[in-house]
Amino acid sequence: MSDNLTEQLIVQLPTGRSDDDLELRYQLEEAIDAALTEEDLGELDGGDIGTGTMNVFAYVRPEQWQEALAVVRGVLSELELTEHALIARRNTMDEDAEPEIVWPEGSERDFAY
């Protein structure tokens, strides 16, 4: 991981929204990686698929969090995934930190990984 990329950005989507969840996750990973790299905002760390959800993980600098969030929201919009997505933030410098949903603001949906 590069310097000062201490904030984890997690995009979570429910599974079953696509005929091929794994392919959708790969498509989302590629698009987020390209967008963050192009703007030098962070690095993709990969993804996973669990029971009922899929996650894509990236690391960003704290001072560029808002920019990275806007870029990732743009990717979700381009892929027509905004209706079902959650974005969470976790400070990796705190071992006990849990992801906090930051988008959509005020969401009461569950986040689990």
PDB file of N, CA and C in Angstrom:
ATOM      1  N   MET A   1       0.857  -1.173   0.000  1.00  0.00           N
ATOM      2  CA  MET A   1       0.000   0.000   0.000  1.00  0.00           C
ATOM      3  C   MET A   1       0.902   1.234   0.000  1.00  0.00           C
ATOM      4  N   SER A   2       0.547   2.214  -0.777  1.00  0.00           N
ATOM      5  CA  SER A   2       1.332   3.436  -0.886  1.00  0.00           C
ATOM      6  C   SER A   2       1.202   4.299   0.354  1.00  0.00           C
ATOM      7  N   ASP A   3       1.964   5.389   0.343  1.00  0.00           N
ATOM      8  CA  ASP A   3       2.031   6.287   1.488  1.00  0.00           C
ATOM      9  C   ASP A   3       0.689   6.883   1.881  1.00  0.00           C
ATOM     10  N   ASN A   4       0.413   6.842   3.168  1.00  0.00           N
ATOM     11  CA  ASN A   4      -0.716   7.534   3.787  1.00  0.00           C
ATOM     12  C   ASN A   4      -2.095   7.122   3.265  1.00  0.00           C
ATOM     13  N   LEU A   5      -2.210   5.950   2.688  1.00  0.00           N
ATOM     14  CA  LEU A   5      -3.520   5.463   2.250  1.00  0.00           C
ATOM     15  C   LEU A   5      -4.150   4.725   3.430  1.00  0.00           C
ATOM     16  N   THR A   6      -4.622   5.490   4.395  1.00  0.00           N
ATOM     17  CA  THR A   6      -5.067   4.913   5.664  1.00  0.00           C
ATOM     18  C   THR A   6      -6.578   4.791   5.800  1.00  0.00           C
ATOM     19  N   GLU A   7      -7.320   5.307   4.847  1.00  0.00           N
ATOM     20  CA  GLU A   7      -8.775   5.213   4.910  1.00  0.00           C
ATOM     21  C   GLU A   7      -9.244   4.143   3.928  1.00  0.00           C
ATOM     22  N   GLN A   8      -9.979   3.179   4.437  1.00  0.00           N
ATOM     23  CA  GLN A   8     -10.528   2.148   3.572  1.00  0.00           C
ATOM     24  C   GLN A   8     -11.914   2.582   3.105  1.00  0.00           C
ATOM     25  N   LEU A   9     -12.118   2.535   1.812  1.00  0.00           N
ATOM     26  CA  LEU A   9     -13.404   2.830   1.195  1.00  0.00           C
ATOM     27  C   LEU A   9     -13.968   1.492   0.728  1.00  0.00           C
ATOM     28  N   ILE A  10     -15.171   1.175   1.178  1.00  0.00           N
ATOM     29  CA  ILE A  10     -15.783  -0.113   0.861  1.00  0.00           C
ATOM     30  C   ILE A  10     -17.110   0.129   0.154  1.00  0.00           C
ATOM     31  N   VAL A  11     -17.244  -0.440  -1.029  1.00  0.00           N
ATOM     32  CA  VAL A  11     -18.513  -0.397  -1.752  1.00  0.00           C
ATOM     33  C   VAL A  11     -19.173  -1.754  -1.567  1.00  0.00           C
ATOM     34  N   GLN A  12     -20.416  -1.739  -1.108  1.00  0.00           N
ATOM     35  CA  GLN A  12     -21.143  -2.986  -0.899  1.00  0.00           C
ATOM     36  C   GLN A  12     -22.417  -2.997  -1.736  1.00  0.00           C
ATOM     37  N   LEU A  13     -22.640  -4.124  -2.393  1.00  0.00           N
ATOM     38  CA  LEU A  13     -23.847  -4.341  -3.192  1.00  0.00           C
ATOM     39  C   LEU A  13     -24.468  -5.676  -2.807  1.00  0.00           C
ATOM     40  N   PRO A  14     -25.779  -5.780  -2.894  1.00  0.00           N
ATOM     41  CA  PRO A  14     -26.400  -7.084  -2.658  1.00  0.00           C
ATOM     42  C   PRO A  14     -26.099  -8.018  -3.830  1.00  0.00           C
ATOM     43  N   THR A  15     -25.958  -9.294  -3.539  1.00  0.00           N
ATOM     44  CA  THR A  15     -25.802 -10.264  -4.619  1.00  0.00           C
ATOM     45  C   THR A  15     -27.180 -10.585  -5.183  1.00  0.00           C
ATOM     46  N   GLY A  16     -27.180 -11.209  -6.344  1.00  0.00           N
ATOM     47  CA  GLY A  16     -28.441 -11.580  -6.972  1.00  0.00           C
ATOM     48  C   GLY A  16     -29.039 -10.488  -7.833  1.00  0.00           C
ATOM     49  N   ARG A  17     -28.350  -9.362  -7.974  1.00  0.00           N
ATOM     50  CA  ARG A  17     -28.843  -8.262  -8.813  1.00  0.00           C
ATOM     51  C   ARG A  17     -28.457  -8.493 -10.276  1.00  0.00           C
ATOM     52  N   SER A  18     -27.560  -9.442 -10.487  1.00  0.00           N
ATOM     53  CA  SER A  18     -27.035  -9.710 -11.816  1.00  0.00           C
ATOM     54  C   SER A  18     -27.056 -11.221 -12.040  1.00  0.00           C
ATOM     55  N   ASP A  19     -27.067 -11.628 -13.298  1.00  0.00           N
ATOM     56  CA  ASP A  19     -26.971 -13.057 -13.599  1.00  0.00           C
ATOM     57  C   ASP A  19     -25.596 -13.598 -13.233  1.00  0.00           C
ATOM     58  N   ASP A  20     -24.606 -12.723 -13.189  1.00  0.00           N
ATOM     59  CA  ASP A  20     -23.238 -13.136 -12.876  1.00  0.00           C
ATOM     60  C   ASP A  20     -22.632 -12.138 -11.890  1.00  0.00           C
ATOM     61  N   ASP A  21     -22.821 -12.395 -10.602  1.00  0.00           N
ATOM     62  CA  ASP A  21     -22.328 -11.482  -9.570  1.00  0.00           C
ATOM     63  C   ASP A  21     -20.818 -11.304  -9.628  1.00  0.00           C
ATOM     64  N   LEU A  22     -20.091 -12.381  -9.894  1.00  0.00           N
ATOM     65  CA  LEU A  22     -18.636 -12.281  -9.931  1.00  0.00           C
ATOM     66  C   LEU A  22     -18.188 -11.358 -11.060  1.00  0.00           C
ATOM     67  N   GLU A  23     -18.801 -11.491 -12.218  1.00  0.00           N
ATOM     68  CA  GLU A  23     -18.462 -10.619 -13.347  1.00  0.00           C
ATOM     69  C   GLU A  23     -18.797  -9.164 -13.027  1.00  0.00           C
ATOM     70  N   LEU A  24     -19.921  -8.930 -12.376  1.00  0.00           N
ATOM     71  CA  LEU A  24     -20.286  -7.571 -11.973  1.00  0.00           C
ATOM     72  C   LEU A  24     -19.254  -7.007 -11.006  1.00  0.00           C
ATOM     73  N   ARG A  25     -18.830  -7.817 -10.037  1.00  0.00           N
ATOM     74  CA  ARG A  25     -17.815  -7.353  -9.089  1.00  0.00           C
ATOM     75  C   ARG A  25     -16.520  -7.008  -9.811  1.00  0.00           C
ATOM     76  N   TYR A  26     -16.092  -7.853 -10.747  1.00  0.00           N
ATOM     77  CA  TYR A  26     -14.872  -7.562 -11.510  1.00  0.00           C
ATOM     78  C   TYR A  26     -15.019  -6.266 -12.304  1.00  0.00           C
ATOM     79  N   GLN A  27     -16.166  -6.068 -12.914  1.00  0.00           N
ATOM     80  CA  GLN A  27     -16.415  -4.843 -13.683  1.00  0.00           C
ATOM     81  C   GLN A  27     -16.331  -3.620 -12.768  1.00  0.00           C
ATOM     82  N   LEU A  28     -16.936  -3.716 -11.596  1.00  0.00           N
ATOM     83  CA  LEU A  28     -16.902  -2.612 -10.639  1.00  0.00           C
ATOM     84  C   LEU A  28     -15.479  -2.364 -10.150  1.00  0.00           C
ATOM     85  N   GLU A  29     -14.743  -3.424  -9.846  1.00  0.00           N
ATOM     86  CA  GLU A  29     -13.351  -3.280  -9.412  1.00  0.00           C
ATOM     87  C   GLU A  29     -12.522  -2.562 -10.468  1.00  0.00           C
ATOM     88  N   GLU A  30     -12.646  -2.992 -11.714  1.00  0.00           N
ATOM     89  CA  GLU A  30     -11.872  -2.377 -12.799  1.00  0.00           C
ATOM     90  C   GLU A  30     -12.205  -0.897 -12.951  1.00  0.00           C
ATOM     91  N   ALA A  31     -13.485  -0.565 -12.887  1.00  0.00           N
ATOM     92  CA  ALA A  31     -13.903   0.828 -13.063  1.00  0.00           C
ATOM     93  C   ALA A  31     -13.432   1.703 -11.901  1.00  0.00           C
ATOM     94  N   ILE A  32     -13.541   1.209 -10.673  1.00  0.00           N
ATOM     95  CA  ILE A  32     -13.075   1.981  -9.512  1.00  0.00           C
ATOM     96  C   ILE A  32     -11.568   2.135  -9.554  1.00  0.00           C
ATOM     97  N   ASP A  33     -10.855   1.059  -9.886  1.00  0.00           N
ATOM     98  CA  ASP A  33      -9.395   1.121  -9.967  1.00  0.00           C
ATOM     99  C   ASP A  33      -8.958   2.159 -10.996  1.00  0.00           C
ATOM    100  N   ALA A  34      -9.561   2.127 -12.172  1.00  0.00           N
ATOM    101  CA  ALA A  34      -9.191   3.079 -13.228  1.00  0.00           C
ATOM    102  C   ALA A  34      -9.475   4.512 -12.796  1.00  0.00           C
ATOM    103  N   ALA A  35     -10.627   4.744 -12.184  1.00  0.00           N
ATOM    104  CA  ALA A  35     -11.007   6.104 -11.788  1.00  0.00           C
ATOM    105  C   ALA A  35     -10.105   6.639 -10.677  1.00  0.00           C
ATOM    106  N   LEU A  36      -9.824   5.829  -9.664  1.00  0.00           N
ATOM    107  CA  LEU A  36      -8.958   6.289  -8.568  1.00  0.00           C
ATOM    108  C   LEU A  36      -7.531   6.502  -9.048  1.00  0.00           C
ATOM    109  N   THR A  37      -7.053   5.606  -9.912  1.00  0.00           N
ATOM    110  CA  THR A  37      -5.689   5.722 -10.435  1.00  0.00           C
ATOM    111  C   THR A  37      -5.548   6.961 -11.310  1.00  0.00           C
ATOM    112  N   GLU A  38      -6.528   7.196 -12.171  1.00  0.00           N
ATOM    113  CA  GLU A  38      -6.484   8.351 -13.074  1.00  0.00           C
ATOM    114  C   GLU A  38      -6.376   9.663 -12.307  1.00  0.00           C
ATOM    115  N   GLU A  39      -7.073   9.756 -11.187  1.00  0.00           N
ATOM    116  CA  GLU A  39      -7.072  10.981 -10.384  1.00  0.00           C
ATOM    117  C   GLU A  39      -6.031  10.947  -9.260  1.00  0.00           C
ATOM    118  N   ASP A  40      -5.244   9.867  -9.181  1.00  0.00           N
ATOM    119  CA  ASP A  40      -4.246   9.670  -8.123  1.00  0.00           C
ATOM    120  C   ASP A  40      -4.872   9.846  -6.736  1.00  0.00           C
ATOM    121  N   LEU A  41      -6.002   9.170  -6.538  1.00  0.00           N
ATOM    122  CA  LEU A  41      -6.743   9.308  -5.285  1.00  0.00           C
ATOM    123  C   LEU A  41      -6.631   8.094  -4.377  1.00  0.00           C
ATOM    124  N   GLY A  42      -6.136   6.990  -4.892  1.00  0.00           N
ATOM    125  CA  GLY A  42      -6.050   5.804  -4.052  1.00  0.00           C
ATOM    126  C   GLY A  42      -5.755   4.565  -4.857  1.00  0.00           C
ATOM    127  N   GLU A  43      -5.891   3.414  -4.169  1.00  0.00           N
ATOM    128  CA  GLU A  43      -5.582   2.128  -4.784  1.00  0.00           C
ATOM    129  C   GLU A  43      -6.682   1.124  -4.486  1.00  0.00           C
ATOM    130  N   LEU A  44      -7.011   0.334  -5.479  1.00  0.00           N
ATOM    131  CA  LEU A  44      -7.944  -0.763  -5.281  1.00  0.00           C
ATOM    132  C   LEU A  44      -7.235  -1.871  -4.512  1.00  0.00           C
ATOM    133  N   ASP A  45      -7.963  -2.533  -3.616  1.00  0.00           N
ATOM    134  CA  ASP A  45      -7.391  -3.637  -2.846  1.00  0.00           C
ATOM    135  C   ASP A  45      -8.062  -4.964  -3.174  1.00  0.00           C
ATOM    136  N   GLY A  46      -9.078  -4.966  -4.018  1.00  0.00           N
ATOM    137  CA  GLY A  46      -9.747  -6.209  -4.376  1.00  0.00           C
ATOM    138  C   GLY A  46     -11.180  -6.229  -3.907  1.00  0.00           C
ATOM    139  N   GLY A  47     -11.722  -7.432  -3.813  1.00  0.00           N
ATOM    140  CA  GLY A  47     -13.107  -7.562  -3.412  1.00  0.00           C
ATOM    141  C   GLY A  47     -13.411  -8.953  -2.913  1.00  0.00           C
ATOM    142  N   ASP A  48     -14.639  -9.128  -2.467  1.00  0.00           N
ATOM    143  CA  ASP A  48     -15.093 -10.444  -2.034  1.00  0.00           C
ATOM    144  C   ASP A  48     -16.596 -10.552  -2.240  1.00  0.00           C
ATOM    145  N   ILE A  49     -17.051 -11.790  -2.199  1.00  0.00           N
ATOM    146  CA  ILE A  49     -18.482 -12.067  -2.260  1.00  0.00           C
ATOM    147  C   ILE A  49     -18.797 -12.993  -1.101  1.00  0.00           C
ATOM    148  N   GLY A  50     -19.795 -12.608  -0.312  1.00  0.00           N
ATOM    149  CA  GLY A  50     -20.206 -13.421   0.824  1.00  0.00           C
ATOM    150  C   GLY A  50     -21.672 -13.765   0.716  1.00  0.00           C
ATOM    151  N   THR A  51     -22.259 -14.077   1.834  1.00  0.00           N
ATOM    152  CA  THR A  51     -23.663 -14.437   1.872  1.00  0.00           C
ATOM    153  C   THR A  51     -24.523 -13.188   1.709  1.00  0.00           C
ATOM    154  N   GLY A  52     -25.034 -13.004   0.518  1.00  0.00           N
ATOM    155  CA  GLY A  52     -25.959 -11.911   0.271  1.00  0.00           C
ATOM    156  C   GLY A  52     -25.353 -10.595  -0.159  1.00  0.00           C
ATOM    157  N   THR A  53     -24.030 -10.451  -0.057  1.00  0.00           N
ATOM    158  CA  THR A  53     -23.403  -9.181  -0.455  1.00  0.00           C
ATOM    159  C   THR A  53     -22.078  -9.412  -1.169  1.00  0.00           C
ATOM    160  N   MET A  54     -21.677  -8.394  -1.912  1.00  0.00           N
ATOM    161  CA  MET A  54     -20.331  -8.337  -2.483  1.00  0.00           C
ATOM    162  C   MET A  54     -19.723  -7.009  -2.071  1.00  0.00           C
ATOM    163  N   ASN A  55     -18.404  -7.018  -1.900  1.00  0.00           N
ATOM    164  CA  ASN A  55     -17.686  -5.823  -1.468  1.00  0.00           C
ATOM    165  C   ASN A  55     -16.508  -5.562  -2.388  1.00  0.00           C
ATOM    166  N   VAL A  56     -16.225  -4.282  -2.591  1.00  0.00           N
ATOM    167  CA  VAL A  56     -15.022  -3.845  -3.290  1.00  0.00           C
ATOM    168  C   VAL A  56     -14.302  -2.906  -2.338  1.00  0.00           C
ATOM    169  N   PHE A  57     -12.994  -3.152  -2.152  1.00  0.00           N
ATOM    170  CA  PHE A  57     -12.195  -2.419  -1.179  1.00  0.00           C
ATOM    171  C   PHE A  57     -11.151  -1.553  -1.877  1.00  0.00           C
ATOM    172  N   ALA A  58     -11.003  -0.331  -1.394  1.00  0.00           N
ATOM    173  CA  ALA A  58      -9.961   0.568  -1.887  1.00  0.00           C
ATOM    174  C   ALA A  58      -9.393   1.328  -0.698  1.00  0.00           C
ATOM    175  N   TYR A  59      -8.194   1.845  -0.866  1.00  0.00           N
ATOM    176  CA  TYR A  59      -7.554   2.668   0.161  1.00  0.00           C
ATOM    177  C   TYR A  59      -7.307   4.053  -0.401  1.00  0.00           C
ATOM    178  N   VAL A  60      -7.624   5.057   0.406  1.00  0.00           N
ATOM    179  CA  VAL A  60      -7.443   6.445  -0.015  1.00  0.00           C
ATOM    180  C   VAL A  60      -6.792   7.249   1.107  1.00  0.00           C
ATOM    181  N   ARG A  61      -6.263   8.408   0.741  1.00  0.00           N
ATOM    182  CA  ARG A  61      -5.675   9.315   1.728  1.00  0.00           C
ATOM    183  C   ARG A  61      -6.790  10.080   2.439  1.00  0.00           C
ATOM    184  N   PRO A  62      -6.667  10.282   3.748  1.00  0.00           N
ATOM    185  CA  PRO A  62      -7.725  10.993   4.478  1.00  0.00           C
ATOM    186  C   PRO A  62      -8.045  12.361   3.886  1.00  0.00           C
ATOM    187  N   GLU A  63      -7.018  13.082   3.463  1.00  0.00           N
ATOM    188  CA  GLU A  63      -7.232  14.434   2.945  1.00  0.00           C
ATOM    189  C   GLU A  63      -7.891  14.434   1.565  1.00  0.00           C
ATOM    190  N   GLN A  64      -7.968  13.268   0.915  1.00  0.00           N
ATOM    191  CA  GLN A  64      -8.606  13.169  -0.398  1.00  0.00           C
ATOM    192  C   GLN A  64      -9.890  12.338  -0.347  1.00  0.00           C
ATOM    193  N   TRP A  65     -10.375  12.095   0.864  1.00  0.00           N
ATOM    194  CA  TRP A  65     -11.551  11.239   1.023  1.00  0.00           C
ATOM    195  C   TRP A  65     -12.748  11.733   0.210  1.00  0.00           C
ATOM    196  N   GLN A  66     -13.099  13.005   0.334  1.00  0.00           N
ATOM    197  CA  GLN A  66     -14.285  13.528  -0.350  1.00  0.00           C
ATOM    198  C   GLN A  66     -14.156  13.414  -1.868  1.00  0.00           C
ATOM    199  N   GLU A  67     -12.959  13.679  -2.384  1.00  0.00           N
ATOM    200  CA  GLU A  67     -12.738  13.547  -3.827  1.00  0.00           C
ATOM    201  C   GLU A  67     -12.907  12.096  -4.261  1.00  0.00           C
ATOM    202  N   ALA A  68     -12.313  11.181  -3.499  1.00  0.00           N
ATOM    203  CA  ALA A  68     -12.410   9.760  -3.831  1.00  0.00           C
ATOM    204  C   ALA A  68     -13.858   9.285  -3.758  1.00  0.00           C
ATOM    205  N   LEU A  69     -14.573   9.728  -2.739  1.00  0.00           N
ATOM    206  CA  LEU A  69     -15.982   9.364  -2.598  1.00  0.00           C
ATOM    207  C   LEU A  69     -16.780   9.836  -3.811  1.00  0.00           C
ATOM    208  N   ALA A  70     -16.542  11.054  -4.252  1.00  0.00           N
ATOM    209  CA  ALA A  70     -17.249  11.591  -5.418  1.00  0.00           C
ATOM    210  C   ALA A  70     -16.927  10.784  -6.678  1.00  0.00           C
ATOM    211  N   VAL A  71     -15.670  10.406  -6.840  1.00  0.00           N
ATOM    212  CA  VAL A  71     -15.265   9.621  -8.006  1.00  0.00           C
ATOM    213  C   VAL A  71     -15.945   8.251  -7.987  1.00  0.00           C
ATOM    214  N   VAL A  72     -15.964   7.603  -6.836  1.00  0.00           N
ATOM    215  CA  VAL A  72     -16.585   6.280  -6.732  1.00  0.00           C
ATOM    216  C   VAL A  72     -18.099   6.377  -6.942  1.00  0.00           C
ATOM    217  N   ARG A  73     -18.711   7.410  -6.419  1.00  0.00           N
ATOM    218  CA  ARG A  73     -20.146   7.605  -6.665  1.00  0.00           C
ATOM    219  C   ARG A  73     -20.409   7.784  -8.160  1.00  0.00           C
ATOM    220  N   GLY A  74     -19.508   8.481  -8.846  1.00  0.00           N
ATOM    221  CA  GLY A  74     -19.635   8.638 -10.293  1.00  0.00           C
ATOM    222  C   GLY A  74     -19.552   7.306 -11.024  1.00  0.00           C
ATOM    223  N   VAL A  75     -18.647   6.447 -10.580  1.00  0.00           N
ATOM    224  CA  VAL A  75     -18.531   5.107 -11.171  1.00  0.00           C
ATOM    225  C   VAL A  75     -19.827   4.326 -10.962  1.00  0.00           C
ATOM    226  N   LEU A  76     -20.354   4.368  -9.750  1.00  0.00           N
ATOM    227  CA  LEU A  76     -21.607   3.665  -9.464  1.00  0.00           C
ATOM    228  C   LEU A  76     -22.744   4.185 -10.341  1.00  0.00           C
ATOM    229  N   SER A  77     -22.771   5.482 -10.560  1.00  0.00           N
ATOM    230  CA  SER A  77     -23.798   6.076 -11.409  1.00  0.00           C
ATOM    231  C   SER A  77     -23.654   5.602 -12.855  1.00  0.00           C
ATOM    232  N   GLU A  78     -22.422   5.609 -13.364  1.00  0.00           N
ATOM    233  CA  GLU A  78     -22.170   5.167 -14.739  1.00  0.00           C
ATOM    234  C   GLU A  78     -22.594   3.717 -14.946  1.00  0.00           C
ATOM    235  N   LEU A  79     -22.402   2.893 -13.922  1.00  0.00           N
ATOM    236  CA  LEU A  79     -22.747   1.475 -14.018  1.00  0.00           C
ATOM    237  C   LEU A  79     -24.188   1.190 -13.580  1.00  0.00           C
ATOM    238  N   GLU A  80     -24.930   2.260 -13.282  1.00  0.00           N
ATOM    239  CA  GLU A  80     -26.329   2.164 -12.858  1.00  0.00           C
ATOM    240  C   GLU A  80     -26.492   1.277 -11.623  1.00  0.00           C
ATOM    241  N   LEU A  81     -25.624   1.513 -10.627  1.00  0.00           N
ATOM    242  CA  LEU A  81     -25.642   0.723  -9.396  1.00  0.00           C
ATOM    243  C   LEU A  81     -25.949   1.555  -8.156  1.00  0.00           C
ATOM    244  N   THR A  82     -26.245   2.830  -8.329  1.00  0.00           N
ATOM    245  CA  THR A  82     -26.417   3.701  -7.158  1.00  0.00           C
ATOM    246  C   THR A  82     -27.603   3.309  -6.284  1.00  0.00           C
ATOM    247  N   GLU A  83     -28.642   2.781  -6.869  1.00  0.00           N
ATOM    248  CA  GLU A  83     -29.852   2.469  -6.103  1.00  0.00           C
ATOM    249  C   GLU A  83     -29.615   1.407  -5.029  1.00  0.00           C
ATOM    250  N   HIS A  84     -28.672   0.514  -5.268  1.00  0.00           N
ATOM    251  CA  HIS A  84     -28.477  -0.618  -4.360  1.00  0.00           C
ATOM    252  C   HIS A  84     -27.173  -0.558  -3.575  1.00  0.00           C
ATOM    253  N   ALA A  85     -26.302   0.392  -3.880  1.00  0.00           N
ATOM    254  CA  ALA A  85     -24.968   0.429  -3.278  1.00  0.00           C
ATOM    255  C   ALA A  85     -24.950   1.120  -1.918  1.00  0.00           C
ATOM    256  N   LEU A  86     -24.030   0.657  -1.095  1.00  0.00           N
ATOM    257  CA  LEU A  86     -23.644   1.343   0.138  1.00  0.00           C
ATOM    258  C   LEU A  86     -22.157   1.630   0.026  1.00  0.00           C
ATOM    259  N   ILE A  87     -21.730   2.762   0.575  1.00  0.00           N
ATOM    260  CA  ILE A  87     -20.302   3.057   0.672  1.00  0.00           C
ATOM    261  C   ILE A  87     -19.994   3.285   2.139  1.00  0.00           C
ATOM    262  N   ALA A  88     -18.960   2.596   2.609  1.00  0.00           N
ATOM    263  CA  ALA A  88     -18.552   2.718   4.004  1.00  0.00           C
ATOM    264  C   ALA A  88     -17.101   3.171   4.075  1.00  0.00           C
ATOM    265  N   ARG A  89     -16.758   3.741   5.222  1.00  0.00           N
ATOM    266  CA  ARG A  89     -15.405   4.240   5.480  1.00  0.00           C
ATOM    267  C   ARG A  89     -14.893   3.592   6.768  1.00  0.00           C
ATOM    268  N   ARG A  90     -13.617   3.195   6.728  1.00  0.00           N
ATOM    269  CA  ARG A  90     -12.994   2.624   7.918  1.00  0.00           C
ATOM    270  C   ARG A  90     -11.571   3.138   8.019  1.00  0.00           C
ATOM    271  N   ASN A  91     -11.209   3.625   9.204  1.00  0.00           N
ATOM    272  CA  ASN A  91      -9.853   4.099   9.467  1.00  0.00           C
ATOM    273  C   ASN A  91      -8.987   2.892   9.794  1.00  0.00           C
ATOM    274  N   THR A  92      -8.035   2.583   8.933  1.00  0.00           N
ATOM    275  CA  THR A  92      -7.205   1.396   9.126  1.00  0.00           C
ATOM    276  C   THR A  92      -6.153   1.570  10.209  1.00  0.00           C
ATOM    277  N   MET A  93      -5.964   2.781  10.695  1.00  0.00           N
ATOM    278  CA  MET A  93      -4.991   3.020  11.765  1.00  0.00           C
ATOM    279  C   MET A  93      -5.556   2.598  13.123  1.00  0.00           C
ATOM    280  N   ASP A  94      -6.849   2.393  13.203  1.00  0.00           N
ATOM    281  CA  ASP A  94      -7.519   1.958  14.428  1.00  0.00           C
ATOM    282  C   ASP A  94      -7.954   0.507  14.237  1.00  0.00           C
ATOM    283  N   GLU A  95      -7.258  -0.410  14.898  1.00  0.00           N
ATOM    284  CA  GLU A  95      -7.530  -1.834  14.726  1.00  0.00           C
ATOM    285  C   GLU A  95      -8.966  -2.212  15.069  1.00  0.00           C
ATOM    286  N   ASP A  96      -9.597  -1.459  15.953  1.00  0.00           N
ATOM    287  CA  ASP A  96     -10.958  -1.772  16.385  1.00  0.00           C
ATOM    288  C   ASP A  96     -12.035  -1.048  15.584  1.00  0.00           C
ATOM    289  N   ALA A  97     -11.617  -0.239  14.623  1.00  0.00           N
ATOM    290  CA  ALA A  97     -12.589   0.555  13.858  1.00  0.00           C
ATOM    291  C   ALA A  97     -13.487  -0.339  13.011  1.00  0.00           C
ATOM    292  N   GLU A  98     -14.761  -0.037  13.051  1.00  0.00           N
ATOM    293  CA  GLU A  98     -15.749  -0.721  12.221  1.00  0.00           C
ATOM    294  C   GLU A  98     -16.098   0.194  11.049  1.00  0.00           C
ATOM    295  N   PRO A  99     -16.467  -0.382   9.908  1.00  0.00           N
ATOM    296  CA  PRO A  99     -16.891   0.460   8.793  1.00  0.00           C
ATOM    297  C   PRO A  99     -18.130   1.276   9.165  1.00  0.00           C
ATOM    298  N   GLU A 100     -18.132   2.523   8.732  1.00  0.00           N
ATOM    299  CA  GLU A 100     -19.260   3.424   8.965  1.00  0.00           C
ATOM    300  C   GLU A 100     -19.863   3.798   7.616  1.00  0.00           C
ATOM    301  N   ILE A 101     -21.153   3.580   7.455  1.00  0.00           N
ATOM    302  CA  ILE A 101     -21.808   3.936   6.191  1.00  0.00           C
ATOM    303  C   ILE A 101     -21.783   5.449   6.030  1.00  0.00           C
ATOM    304  N   VAL A 102     -21.248   5.894   4.892  1.00  0.00           N
ATOM    305  CA  VAL A 102     -21.180   7.329   4.609  1.00  0.00           C
ATOM    306  C   VAL A 102     -22.061   7.725   3.422  1.00  0.00           C
ATOM    307  N   TRP A 103     -22.489   6.730   2.653  1.00  0.00           N
ATOM    308  CA  TRP A 103     -23.355   7.008   1.517  1.00  0.00           C
ATOM    309  C   TRP A 103     -24.225   5.807   1.229  1.00  0.00           C
ATOM    310  N   PRO A 104     -25.492   5.961   0.974  1.00  0.00           N
ATOM    311  CA  PRO A 104     -26.196   7.229   1.043  1.00  0.00           C
ATOM    312  C   PRO A 104     -26.268   7.748   2.480  1.00  0.00           C
ATOM    313  N   GLU A 105     -26.178   9.055   2.600  1.00  0.00           N
ATOM    314  CA  GLU A 105     -26.216   9.680   3.921  1.00  0.00           C
ATOM    315  C   GLU A 105     -27.505   9.311   4.630  1.00  0.00           C
ATOM    316  N   GLY A 106     -27.381   8.997   5.905  1.00  0.00           N
ATOM    317  CA  GLY A 106     -28.545   8.668   6.710  1.00  0.00           C
ATOM    318  C   GLY A 106     -29.120   7.282   6.456  1.00  0.00           C
ATOM    319  N   SER A 107     -28.410   6.464   5.681  1.00  0.00           N
ATOM    320  CA  SER A 107     -28.908   5.127   5.378  1.00  0.00           C
ATOM    321  C   SER A 107     -29.060   4.306   6.655  1.00  0.00           C
ATOM    322  N   GLU A 108     -30.140   3.575   6.723  1.00  0.00           N
ATOM    323  CA  GLU A 108     -30.367   2.688   7.859  1.00  0.00           C
ATOM    324  C   GLU A 108     -30.241   1.228   7.443  1.00  0.00           C
ATOM    325  N   ARG A 109     -29.752   1.000   6.230  1.00  0.00           N
ATOM    326  CA  ARG A 109     -29.539  -0.373   5.774  1.00  0.00           C
ATOM    327  C   ARG A 109     -28.374  -0.985   6.533  1.00  0.00           C
ATOM    328  N   ASP A 110     -28.380  -2.286   6.639  1.00  0.00           N
ATOM    329  CA  ASP A 110     -27.306  -2.988   7.342  1.00  0.00           C
ATOM    330  C   ASP A 110     -26.075  -3.101   6.461  1.00  0.00           C
ATOM    331  N   PHE A 111     -24.921  -2.980   7.095  1.00  0.00           N
ATOM    332  CA  PHE A 111     -23.648  -3.191   6.423  1.00  0.00           C
ATOM    333  C   PHE A 111     -22.945  -4.305   7.172  1.00  0.00           C
ATOM    334  N   ALA A 112     -22.602  -5.348   6.468  1.00  0.00           N
ATOM    335  CA  ALA A 112     -21.896  -6.464   7.100  1.00  0.00           C
ATOM    336  C   ALA A 112     -20.912  -7.045   6.098  1.00  0.00           C
ATOM    337  N   TYR A 113     -19.756  -7.425   6.627  1.00  0.00           N
ATOM    338  CA  TYR A 113     -18.778  -8.107   5.771  1.00  0.00           C
ATOM    339  C   TYR A 113     -17.937  -9.051   6.554  1.00  0.00           C
TER     340      TYR A 113
END
